[in-house]
Amino acid sequence: QQEKLDSINKALDLKEAIHQKRLK
């Protein structure tokens, strides 16, 4: 379960980084 949560967290971090770049 921790591995699944880690992969979801990485995906969310990537989406957040892309969102911040587009916002800028």
mmCIF file of all heavy atoms, coordinates in Angstrom:
data_MODEL
# 
_entry.id   MODEL 
# 
loop_
_atom_site.group_PDB 
_atom_site.id 
_atom_site.type_symbol 
_atom_site.label_atom_id 
_atom_site.label_alt_id 
_atom_site.label_comp_id 
_atom_site.label_asym_id 
_atom_site.label_entity_id 
_atom_site.label_seq_id 
_atom_site.pdbx_PDB_ins_code 
_atom_site.Cartn_x 
_atom_site.Cartn_y 
_atom_site.Cartn_z 
_atom_site.occupancy 
_atom_site.B_iso_or_equiv 
_atom_site.pdbx_formal_charge 
_atom_site.auth_seq_id 
_atom_site.auth_comp_id 
_atom_site.auth_asym_id 
_atom_site.auth_atom_id 
_atom_site.pdbx_PDB_model_num 
ATOM 1   N N   . GLN A 1 1  ? 0.829  -1.196 0.000   1.00 0.00 ? 1  GLN A N   1 
ATOM 2   C CA  . GLN A 1 1  ? 0.000  0.000  0.000   1.00 0.00 ? 1  GLN A CA  1 
ATOM 3   C C   . GLN A 1 1  ? 0.871  1.256  0.000   1.00 0.00 ? 1  GLN A C   1 
ATOM 4   O O   . GLN A 1 1  ? 0.554  2.249  -0.668  1.00 0.00 ? 1  GLN A O   1 
ATOM 5   C CB  . GLN A 1 1  ? -0.928 0.005  1.209   1.00 0.00 ? 1  GLN A CB  1 
ATOM 6   C CG  . GLN A 1 1  ? -2.035 -1.010 1.124   1.00 0.00 ? 1  GLN A CG  1 
ATOM 7   C CD  . GLN A 1 1  ? -2.895 -1.053 2.377   1.00 0.00 ? 1  GLN A CD  1 
ATOM 8   O OE1 . GLN A 1 1  ? -2.533 -0.500 3.407   1.00 0.00 ? 1  GLN A OE1 1 
ATOM 9   N NE2 . GLN A 1 1  ? -4.034 -1.718 2.290   1.00 0.00 ? 1  GLN A NE2 1 
ATOM 10  N N   . GLN A 1 2  ? 1.984  1.221  0.736   1.00 0.00 ? 2  GLN A N   1 
ATOM 11  C CA  . GLN A 1 2  ? 2.886  2.369  0.777   1.00 0.00 ? 2  GLN A CA  1 
ATOM 12  C C   . GLN A 1 2  ? 3.502  2.616  -0.597  1.00 0.00 ? 2  GLN A C   1 
ATOM 13  O O   . GLN A 1 2  ? 3.646  3.770  -1.014  1.00 0.00 ? 2  GLN A O   1 
ATOM 14  C CB  . GLN A 1 2  ? 3.999  2.143  1.815   1.00 0.00 ? 2  GLN A CB  1 
ATOM 15  C CG  . GLN A 1 2  ? 4.918  3.326  1.994   1.00 0.00 ? 2  GLN A CG  1 
ATOM 16  C CD  . GLN A 1 2  ? 4.201  4.532  2.574   1.00 0.00 ? 2  GLN A CD  1 
ATOM 17  O OE1 . GLN A 1 2  ? 3.332  4.397  3.414   1.00 0.00 ? 2  GLN A OE1 1 
ATOM 18  N NE2 . GLN A 1 2  ? 4.559  5.701  2.110   1.00 0.00 ? 2  GLN A NE2 1 
ATOM 19  N N   . GLU A 1 3  ? 3.865  1.551  -1.311  1.00 0.00 ? 3  GLU A N   1 
ATOM 20  C CA  . GLU A 1 3  ? 4.403  1.704  -2.658  1.00 0.00 ? 3  GLU A CA  1 
ATOM 21  C C   . GLU A 1 3  ? 3.373  2.334  -3.594  1.00 0.00 ? 3  GLU A C   1 
ATOM 22  O O   . GLU A 1 3  ? 3.700  3.211  -4.399  1.00 0.00 ? 3  GLU A O   1 
ATOM 23  C CB  . GLU A 1 3  ? 4.852  0.349  -3.205  1.00 0.00 ? 3  GLU A CB  1 
ATOM 24  C CG  . GLU A 1 3  ? 6.092  -0.200 -2.534  1.00 0.00 ? 3  GLU A CG  1 
ATOM 25  C CD  . GLU A 1 3  ? 6.412  -1.627 -2.951  1.00 0.00 ? 3  GLU A CD  1 
ATOM 26  O OE1 . GLU A 1 3  ? 5.647  -2.208 -3.762  1.00 0.00 ? 3  GLU A OE1 1 
ATOM 27  O OE2 . GLU A 1 3  ? 7.417  -2.156 -2.463  1.00 0.00 ? 3  GLU A OE2 1 
ATOM 28  N N   . LYS A 1 4  ? 2.118  1.902  -3.480  1.00 0.00 ? 4  LYS A N   1 
ATOM 29  C CA  . LYS A 1 4  ? 1.063  2.493  -4.302  1.00 0.00 ? 4  LYS A CA  1 
ATOM 30  C C   . LYS A 1 4  ? 0.899  3.979  -3.985  1.00 0.00 ? 4  LYS A C   1 
ATOM 31  O O   . LYS A 1 4  ? 0.774  4.821  -4.884  1.00 0.00 ? 4  LYS A O   1 
ATOM 32  C CB  . LYS A 1 4  ? -0.268 1.769  -4.082  1.00 0.00 ? 4  LYS A CB  1 
ATOM 33  C CG  . LYS A 1 4  ? -0.320 0.387  -4.672  1.00 0.00 ? 4  LYS A CG  1 
ATOM 34  C CD  . LYS A 1 4  ? -1.646 -0.289 -4.382  1.00 0.00 ? 4  LYS A CD  1 
ATOM 35  C CE  . LYS A 1 4  ? -1.689 -1.714 -4.872  1.00 0.00 ? 4  LYS A CE  1 
ATOM 36  N NZ  . LYS A 1 4  ? -2.961 -2.379 -4.533  1.00 0.00 ? 4  LYS A NZ  1 
ATOM 37  N N   . LEU A 1 5  ? 0.902  4.300  -2.690  1.00 0.00 ? 5  LEU A N   1 
ATOM 38  C CA  . LEU A 1 5  ? 0.761  5.697  -2.290  1.00 0.00 ? 5  LEU A CA  1 
ATOM 39  C C   . LEU A 1 5  ? 1.942  6.531  -2.748  1.00 0.00 ? 5  LEU A C   1 
ATOM 40  O O   . LEU A 1 5  ? 1.777  7.690  -3.150  1.00 0.00 ? 5  LEU A O   1 
ATOM 41  C CB  . LEU A 1 5  ? 0.597  5.807  -0.766  1.00 0.00 ? 5  LEU A CB  1 
ATOM 42  C CG  . LEU A 1 5  ? -0.720 5.281  -0.199  1.00 0.00 ? 5  LEU A CG  1 
ATOM 43  C CD1 . LEU A 1 5  ? -0.676 5.320  1.324   1.00 0.00 ? 5  LEU A CD1 1 
ATOM 44  C CD2 . LEU A 1 5  ? -1.885 6.084  -0.714  1.00 0.00 ? 5  LEU A CD2 1 
ATOM 45  N N   . ASP A 1 6  ? 3.143  5.959  -2.725  1.00 0.00 ? 6  ASP A N   1 
ATOM 46  C CA  . ASP A 1 6  ? 4.325  6.678  -3.199  1.00 0.00 ? 6  ASP A CA  1 
ATOM 47  C C   . ASP A 1 6  ? 4.217  6.986  -4.689  1.00 0.00 ? 6  ASP A C   1 
ATOM 48  O O   . ASP A 1 6  ? 4.555  8.090  -5.134  1.00 0.00 ? 6  ASP A O   1 
ATOM 49  C CB  . ASP A 1 6  ? 5.595  5.883  -2.921  1.00 0.00 ? 6  ASP A CB  1 
ATOM 50  C CG  . ASP A 1 6  ? 5.975  5.865  -1.447  1.00 0.00 ? 6  ASP A CG  1 
ATOM 51  O OD1 . ASP A 1 6  ? 5.452  6.721  -0.685  1.00 0.00 ? 6  ASP A OD1 1 
ATOM 52  O OD2 . ASP A 1 6  ? 6.772  4.989  -1.056  1.00 0.00 ? 6  ASP A OD2 1 
ATOM 53  N N   . SER A 1 7  ? 3.745  6.012  -5.473  1.00 0.00 ? 7  SER A N   1 
ATOM 54  C CA  . SER A 1 7  ? 3.610  6.248  -6.911  1.00 0.00 ? 7  SER A CA  1 
ATOM 55  C C   . SER A 1 7  ? 2.535  7.304  -7.185  1.00 0.00 ? 7  SER A C   1 
ATOM 56  O O   . SER A 1 7  ? 2.706  8.164  -8.060  1.00 0.00 ? 7  SER A O   1 
ATOM 57  C CB  . SER A 1 7  ? 3.287  4.953  -7.648  1.00 0.00 ? 7  SER A CB  1 
ATOM 58  O OG  . SER A 1 7  ? 2.024  4.464  -7.269  1.00 0.00 ? 7  SER A OG  1 
ATOM 59  N N   . ILE A 1 8  ? 1.453  7.272  -6.424  1.00 0.00 ? 8  ILE A N   1 
ATOM 60  C CA  . ILE A 1 8  ? 0.407  8.288  -6.584  1.00 0.00 ? 8  ILE A CA  1 
ATOM 61  C C   . ILE A 1 8  ? 0.954  9.658  -6.194  1.00 0.00 ? 8  ILE A C   1 
ATOM 62  O O   . ILE A 1 8  ? 0.700  10.661 -6.879  1.00 0.00 ? 8  ILE A O   1 
ATOM 63  C CB  . ILE A 1 8  ? -0.831 7.928  -5.736  1.00 0.00 ? 8  ILE A CB  1 
ATOM 64  C CG1 . ILE A 1 8  ? -1.526 6.693  -6.317  1.00 0.00 ? 8  ILE A CG1 1 
ATOM 65  C CG2 . ILE A 1 8  ? -1.805 9.094  -5.653  1.00 0.00 ? 8  ILE A CG2 1 
ATOM 66  C CD1 . ILE A 1 8  ? -2.612 6.126  -5.430  1.00 0.00 ? 8  ILE A CD1 1 
ATOM 67  N N   . ASN A 1 9  ? 1.739  9.709  -5.131  1.00 0.00 ? 9  ASN A N   1 
ATOM 68  C CA  . ASN A 1 9  ? 2.320  10.964 -4.678  1.00 0.00 ? 9  ASN A CA  1 
ATOM 69  C C   . ASN A 1 9  ? 3.269  11.538 -5.721  1.00 0.00 ? 9  ASN A C   1 
ATOM 70  O O   . ASN A 1 9  ? 3.269  12.749 -5.978  1.00 0.00 ? 9  ASN A O   1 
ATOM 71  C CB  . ASN A 1 9  ? 3.060  10.753 -3.353  1.00 0.00 ? 9  ASN A CB  1 
ATOM 72  C CG  . ASN A 1 9  ? 3.392  12.047 -2.669  1.00 0.00 ? 9  ASN A CG  1 
ATOM 73  O OD1 . ASN A 1 9  ? 2.792  13.076 -2.939  1.00 0.00 ? 9  ASN A OD1 1 
ATOM 74  N ND2 . ASN A 1 9  ? 4.350  11.999 -1.765  1.00 0.00 ? 9  ASN A ND2 1 
ATOM 75  N N   . LYS A 1 10 ? 4.084  10.681 -6.360  1.00 0.00 ? 10 LYS A N   1 
ATOM 76  C CA  . LYS A 1 10 ? 4.991  11.147 -7.412  1.00 0.00 ? 10 LYS A CA  1 
ATOM 77  C C   . LYS A 1 10 ? 4.204  11.720 -8.583  1.00 0.00 ? 10 LYS A C   1 
ATOM 78  O O   . LYS A 1 10 ? 4.561  12.761 -9.139  1.00 0.00 ? 10 LYS A O   1 
ATOM 79  C CB  . LYS A 1 10 ? 5.886  10.005 -7.882  1.00 0.00 ? 10 LYS A CB  1 
ATOM 80  C CG  . LYS A 1 10 ? 6.971  9.647  -6.907  1.00 0.00 ? 10 LYS A CG  1 
ATOM 81  C CD  . LYS A 1 10 ? 7.824  8.506  -7.434  1.00 0.00 ? 10 LYS A CD  1 
ATOM 82  C CE  . LYS A 1 10 ? 8.850  8.069  -6.408  1.00 0.00 ? 10 LYS A CE  1 
ATOM 83  N NZ  . LYS A 1 10 ? 9.662  6.939  -6.898  1.00 0.00 ? 10 LYS A NZ  1 
ATOM 84  N N   . ALA A 1 11 ? 3.118  11.040 -8.955  1.00 0.00 ? 11 ALA A N   1 
ATOM 85  C CA  . ALA A 1 11 ? 2.294  11.522 -10.069 1.00 0.00 ? 11 ALA A CA  1 
ATOM 86  C C   . ALA A 1 11 ? 1.672  12.875 -9.723  1.00 0.00 ? 11 ALA A C   1 
ATOM 87  O O   . ALA A 1 11 ? 1.639  13.782 -10.559 1.00 0.00 ? 11 ALA A O   1 
ATOM 88  C CB  . ALA A 1 11 ? 1.214  10.500 -10.396 1.00 0.00 ? 11 ALA A CB  1 
ATOM 89  N N   . LEU A 1 12 ? 1.198  13.018 -8.493  1.00 0.00 ? 12 LEU A N   1 
ATOM 90  C CA  . LEU A 1 12 ? 0.610  14.293 -8.079  1.00 0.00 ? 12 LEU A CA  1 
ATOM 91  C C   . LEU A 1 12 ? 1.648  15.405 -8.043  1.00 0.00 ? 12 LEU A C   1 
ATOM 92  O O   . LEU A 1 12 ? 1.365  16.542 -8.433  1.00 0.00 ? 12 LEU A O   1 
ATOM 93  C CB  . LEU A 1 12 ? -0.063 14.153 -6.715  1.00 0.00 ? 12 LEU A CB  1 
ATOM 94  C CG  . LEU A 1 12 ? -1.363 13.356 -6.692  1.00 0.00 ? 12 LEU A CG  1 
ATOM 95  C CD1 . LEU A 1 12 ? -1.847 13.190 -5.257  1.00 0.00 ? 12 LEU A CD1 1 
ATOM 96  C CD2 . LEU A 1 12 ? -2.423 14.039 -7.527  1.00 0.00 ? 12 LEU A CD2 1 
ATOM 97  N N   . ASP A 1 13 ? 2.867  15.088 -7.586  1.00 0.00 ? 13 ASP A N   1 
ATOM 98  C CA  . ASP A 1 13 ? 3.933  16.087 -7.573  1.00 0.00 ? 13 ASP A CA  1 
ATOM 99  C C   . ASP A 1 13 ? 4.269  16.540 -8.984  1.00 0.00 ? 13 ASP A C   1 
ATOM 100 O O   . ASP A 1 13 ? 4.481  17.730 -9.230  1.00 0.00 ? 13 ASP A O   1 
ATOM 101 C CB  . ASP A 1 13 ? 5.187  15.533 -6.889  1.00 0.00 ? 13 ASP A CB  1 
ATOM 102 C CG  . ASP A 1 13 ? 5.030  15.407 -5.387  1.00 0.00 ? 13 ASP A CG  1 
ATOM 103 O OD1 . ASP A 1 13 ? 4.089  16.044 -4.830  1.00 0.00 ? 13 ASP A OD1 1 
ATOM 104 O OD2 . ASP A 1 13 ? 5.834  14.685 -4.763  1.00 0.00 ? 13 ASP A OD2 1 
ATOM 105 N N   . LEU A 1 14 ? 4.310  15.593 -9.916  1.00 0.00 ? 14 LEU A N   1 
ATOM 106 C CA  . LEU A 1 14 ? 4.588  15.928 -11.308 1.00 0.00 ? 14 LEU A CA  1 
ATOM 107 C C   . LEU A 1 14 ? 3.489  16.815 -11.880 1.00 0.00 ? 14 LEU A C   1 
ATOM 108 O O   . LEU A 1 14 ? 3.767  17.833 -12.535 1.00 0.00 ? 14 LEU A O   1 
ATOM 109 C CB  . LEU A 1 14 ? 4.725  14.652 -12.138 1.00 0.00 ? 14 LEU A CB  1 
ATOM 110 C CG  . LEU A 1 14 ? 5.008  14.834 -13.624 1.00 0.00 ? 14 LEU A CG  1 
ATOM 111 C CD1 . LEU A 1 14 ? 6.345  15.552 -13.821 1.00 0.00 ? 14 LEU A CD1 1 
ATOM 112 C CD2 . LEU A 1 14 ? 5.016  13.495 -14.331 1.00 0.00 ? 14 LEU A CD2 1 
ATOM 113 N N   . LYS A 1 15 ? 2.226  16.453 -11.604 1.00 0.00 ? 15 LYS A N   1 
ATOM 114 C CA  . LYS A 1 15 ? 1.111  17.274 -12.098 1.00 0.00 ? 15 LYS A CA  1 
ATOM 115 C C   . LYS A 1 15 ? 1.147  18.671 -11.494 1.00 0.00 ? 15 LYS A C   1 
ATOM 116 O O   . LYS A 1 15 ? 0.869  19.658 -12.173 1.00 0.00 ? 15 LYS A O   1 
ATOM 117 C CB  . LYS A 1 15 ? -0.222 16.599 -11.770 1.00 0.00 ? 15 LYS A CB  1 
ATOM 118 C CG  . LYS A 1 15 ? -0.511 15.398 -12.639 1.00 0.00 ? 15 LYS A CG  1 
ATOM 119 C CD  . LYS A 1 15 ? -1.847 14.782 -12.295 1.00 0.00 ? 15 LYS A CD  1 
ATOM 120 C CE  . LYS A 1 15 ? -2.121 13.570 -13.157 1.00 0.00 ? 15 LYS A CE  1 
ATOM 121 N NZ  . LYS A 1 15 ? -3.422 12.956 -12.870 1.00 0.00 ? 15 LYS A NZ  1 
ATOM 122 N N   . GLU A 1 16 ? 1.502  18.761 -10.213 1.00 0.00 ? 16 GLU A N   1 
ATOM 123 C CA  . GLU A 1 16 ? 1.577  20.069 -9.563  1.00 0.00 ? 16 GLU A CA  1 
ATOM 124 C C   . GLU A 1 16 ? 2.687  20.910 -10.174 1.00 0.00 ? 16 GLU A C   1 
ATOM 125 O O   . GLU A 1 16 ? 2.515  22.109 -10.394 1.00 0.00 ? 16 GLU A O   1 
ATOM 126 C CB  . GLU A 1 16 ? 1.806  19.899 -8.069  1.00 0.00 ? 16 GLU A CB  1 
ATOM 127 C CG  . GLU A 1 16 ? 1.814  21.213 -7.310  1.00 0.00 ? 16 GLU A CG  1 
ATOM 128 C CD  . GLU A 1 16 ? 2.013  21.045 -5.822  1.00 0.00 ? 16 GLU A CD  1 
ATOM 129 O OE1 . GLU A 1 16 ? 2.084  19.902 -5.342  1.00 0.00 ? 16 GLU A OE1 1 
ATOM 130 O OE2 . GLU A 1 16 ? 2.089  22.071 -5.148  1.00 0.00 ? 16 GLU A OE2 1 
ATOM 131 N N   . ALA A 1 17 ? 3.835  20.286 -10.471 1.00 0.00 ? 17 ALA A N   1 
ATOM 132 C CA  . ALA A 1 17 ? 4.944  21.014 -11.090 1.00 0.00 ? 17 ALA A CA  1 
ATOM 133 C C   . ALA A 1 17 ? 4.552  21.536 -12.468 1.00 0.00 ? 17 ALA A C   1 
ATOM 134 O O   . ALA A 1 17 ? 4.847  22.686 -12.820 1.00 0.00 ? 17 ALA A O   1 
ATOM 135 C CB  . ALA A 1 17 ? 6.172  20.118 -11.178 1.00 0.00 ? 17 ALA A CB  1 
ATOM 136 N N   . ILE A 1 18 ? 3.871  20.693 -13.242 1.00 0.00 ? 18 ILE A N   1 
ATOM 137 C CA  . ILE A 1 18 ? 3.411  21.122 -14.570 1.00 0.00 ? 18 ILE A CA  1 
ATOM 138 C C   . ILE A 1 18 ? 2.411  22.260 -14.442 1.00 0.00 ? 18 ILE A C   1 
ATOM 139 O O   . ILE A 1 18 ? 2.465  23.246 -15.190 1.00 0.00 ? 18 ILE A O   1 
ATOM 140 C CB  . ILE A 1 18 ? 2.805  19.922 -15.332 1.00 0.00 ? 18 ILE A CB  1 
ATOM 141 C CG1 . ILE A 1 18 ? 3.902  18.914 -15.681 1.00 0.00 ? 18 ILE A CG1 1 
ATOM 142 C CG2 . ILE A 1 18 ? 2.066  20.378 -16.578 1.00 0.00 ? 18 ILE A CG2 1 
ATOM 143 C CD1 . ILE A 1 18 ? 3.373  17.594 -16.234 1.00 0.00 ? 18 ILE A CD1 1 
ATOM 144 N N   . HIS A 1 19 ? 1.498  22.150 -13.472 1.00 0.00 ? 19 HIS A N   1 
ATOM 145 C CA  . HIS A 1 19 ? 0.504  23.194 -13.252 1.00 0.00 ? 19 HIS A CA  1 
ATOM 146 C C   . HIS A 1 19 ? 1.177  24.513 -12.874 1.00 0.00 ? 19 HIS A C   1 
ATOM 147 O O   . HIS A 1 19 ? 0.808  25.573 -13.392 1.00 0.00 ? 19 HIS A O   1 
ATOM 148 C CB  . HIS A 1 19 ? -0.478 22.765 -12.165 1.00 0.00 ? 19 HIS A CB  1 
ATOM 149 C CG  . HIS A 1 19 ? -1.463 23.820 -11.807 1.00 0.00 ? 19 HIS A CG  1 
ATOM 150 N ND1 . HIS A 1 19 ? -2.505 24.185 -12.642 1.00 0.00 ? 19 HIS A ND1 1 
ATOM 151 C CD2 . HIS A 1 19 ? -1.573 24.614 -10.708 1.00 0.00 ? 19 HIS A CD2 1 
ATOM 152 C CE1 . HIS A 1 19 ? -3.198 25.148 -12.074 1.00 0.00 ? 19 HIS A CE1 1 
ATOM 153 N NE2 . HIS A 1 19 ? -2.659 25.422 -10.902 1.00 0.00 ? 19 HIS A NE2 1 
ATOM 154 N N   . GLN A 1 20 ? 2.163  24.455 -11.987 1.00 0.00 ? 20 GLN A N   1 
ATOM 155 C CA  . GLN A 1 20 ? 2.866  25.670 -11.575 1.00 0.00 ? 20 GLN A CA  1 
ATOM 156 C C   . GLN A 1 20 ? 3.602  26.294 -12.756 1.00 0.00 ? 20 GLN A C   1 
ATOM 157 O O   . GLN A 1 20 ? 3.617  27.523 -12.912 1.00 0.00 ? 20 GLN A O   1 
ATOM 158 C CB  . GLN A 1 20 ? 3.857  25.360 -10.440 1.00 0.00 ? 20 GLN A CB  1 
ATOM 159 C CG  . GLN A 1 20 ? 3.208  24.998 -9.130  1.00 0.00 ? 20 GLN A CG  1 
ATOM 160 C CD  . GLN A 1 20 ? 2.420  26.147 -8.552  1.00 0.00 ? 20 GLN A CD  1 
ATOM 161 O OE1 . GLN A 1 20 ? 2.731  27.308 -8.750  1.00 0.00 ? 20 GLN A OE1 1 
ATOM 162 N NE2 . GLN A 1 20 ? 1.356  25.811 -7.837  1.00 0.00 ? 20 GLN A NE2 1 
ATOM 163 N N   . LYS A 1 21 ? 4.207  25.473 -13.612 1.00 0.00 ? 21 LYS A N   1 
ATOM 164 C CA  . LYS A 1 21 ? 4.911  25.979 -14.795 1.00 0.00 ? 21 LYS A CA  1 
ATOM 165 C C   . LYS A 1 21 ? 3.937  26.676 -15.745 1.00 0.00 ? 21 LYS A C   1 
ATOM 166 O O   . LYS A 1 21 ? 4.205  27.782 -16.234 1.00 0.00 ? 21 LYS A O   1 
ATOM 167 C CB  . LYS A 1 21 ? 5.617  24.829 -15.506 1.00 0.00 ? 21 LYS A CB  1 
ATOM 168 C CG  . LYS A 1 21 ? 6.418  25.258 -16.701 1.00 0.00 ? 21 LYS A CG  1 
ATOM 169 C CD  . LYS A 1 21 ? 7.106  24.078 -17.349 1.00 0.00 ? 21 LYS A CD  1 
ATOM 170 C CE  . LYS A 1 21 ? 7.826  24.512 -18.607 1.00 0.00 ? 21 LYS A CE  1 
ATOM 171 N NZ  . LYS A 1 21 ? 8.422  23.359 -19.309 1.00 0.00 ? 21 LYS A NZ  1 
ATOM 172 N N   . ARG A 1 22 ? 2.797  26.034 -15.991 1.00 0.00 ? 22 ARG A N   1 
ATOM 173 C CA  . ARG A 1 22 ? 1.793  26.634 -16.879 1.00 0.00 ? 22 ARG A CA  1 
ATOM 174 C C   . ARG A 1 22 ? 1.229  27.920 -16.289 1.00 0.00 ? 22 ARG A C   1 
ATOM 175 O O   . ARG A 1 22 ? 1.011  28.895 -17.007 1.00 0.00 ? 22 ARG A O   1 
ATOM 176 C CB  . ARG A 1 22 ? 0.658  25.648 -17.143 1.00 0.00 ? 22 ARG A CB  1 
ATOM 177 C CG  . ARG A 1 22 ? 1.042  24.532 -18.053 1.00 0.00 ? 22 ARG A CG  1 
ATOM 178 C CD  . ARG A 1 22 ? -0.121 23.620 -18.334 1.00 0.00 ? 22 ARG A CD  1 
ATOM 179 N NE  . ARG A 1 22 ? 0.272  22.528 -19.211 1.00 0.00 ? 22 ARG A NE  1 
ATOM 180 C CZ  . ARG A 1 22 ? -0.471 21.478 -19.454 1.00 0.00 ? 22 ARG A CZ  1 
ATOM 181 N NH1 . ARG A 1 22 ? -1.661 21.360 -18.888 1.00 0.00 ? 22 ARG A NH1 1 
ATOM 182 N NH2 . ARG A 1 22 ? -0.038 20.526 -20.258 1.00 0.00 ? 22 ARG A NH2 1 
ATOM 183 N N   . LEU A 1 23 ? 0.994  27.920 -14.991 1.00 0.00 ? 23 LEU A N   1 
ATOM 184 C CA  . LEU A 1 23 ? 0.488  29.120 -14.325 1.00 0.00 ? 23 LEU A CA  1 
ATOM 185 C C   . LEU A 1 23 ? 1.471  30.268 -14.472 1.00 0.00 ? 23 LEU A C   1 
ATOM 186 O O   . LEU A 1 23 ? 1.079  31.400 -14.770 1.00 0.00 ? 23 LEU A O   1 
ATOM 187 C CB  . LEU A 1 23 ? 0.219  28.822 -12.852 1.00 0.00 ? 23 LEU A CB  1 
ATOM 188 C CG  . LEU A 1 23 ? -0.368 29.968 -12.023 1.00 0.00 ? 23 LEU A CG  1 
ATOM 189 C CD1 . LEU A 1 23 ? -1.749 30.343 -12.547 1.00 0.00 ? 23 LEU A CD1 1 
ATOM 190 C CD2 . LEU A 1 23 ? -0.442 29.567 -10.566 1.00 0.00 ? 23 LEU A CD2 1 
ATOM 191 N N   . LYS A 1 24 ? 2.747  29.977 -14.300 1.00 0.00 ? 24 LYS A N   1 
ATOM 192 C CA  . LYS A 1 24 ? 3.776  31.016 -14.454 1.00 0.00 ? 24 LYS A CA  1 
ATOM 193 C C   . LYS A 1 24 ? 3.799  31.535 -15.890 1.00 0.00 ? 24 LYS A C   1 
ATOM 194 O O   . LYS A 1 24 ? 3.903  32.749 -16.116 1.00 0.00 ? 24 LYS A O   1 
ATOM 195 C CB  . LYS A 1 24 ? 5.137  30.436 -14.077 1.00 0.00 ? 24 LYS A CB  1 
ATOM 196 C CG  . LYS A 1 24 ? 6.249  31.441 -14.101 1.00 0.00 ? 24 LYS A CG  1 
ATOM 197 C CD  . LYS A 1 24 ? 7.560  30.820 -13.654 1.00 0.00 ? 24 LYS A CD  1 
ATOM 198 C CE  . LYS A 1 24 ? 8.685  31.841 -13.732 1.00 0.00 ? 24 LYS A CE  1 
ATOM 199 N NZ  . LYS A 1 24 ? 9.981  31.240 -13.376 1.00 0.00 ? 24 LYS A NZ  1 
# 
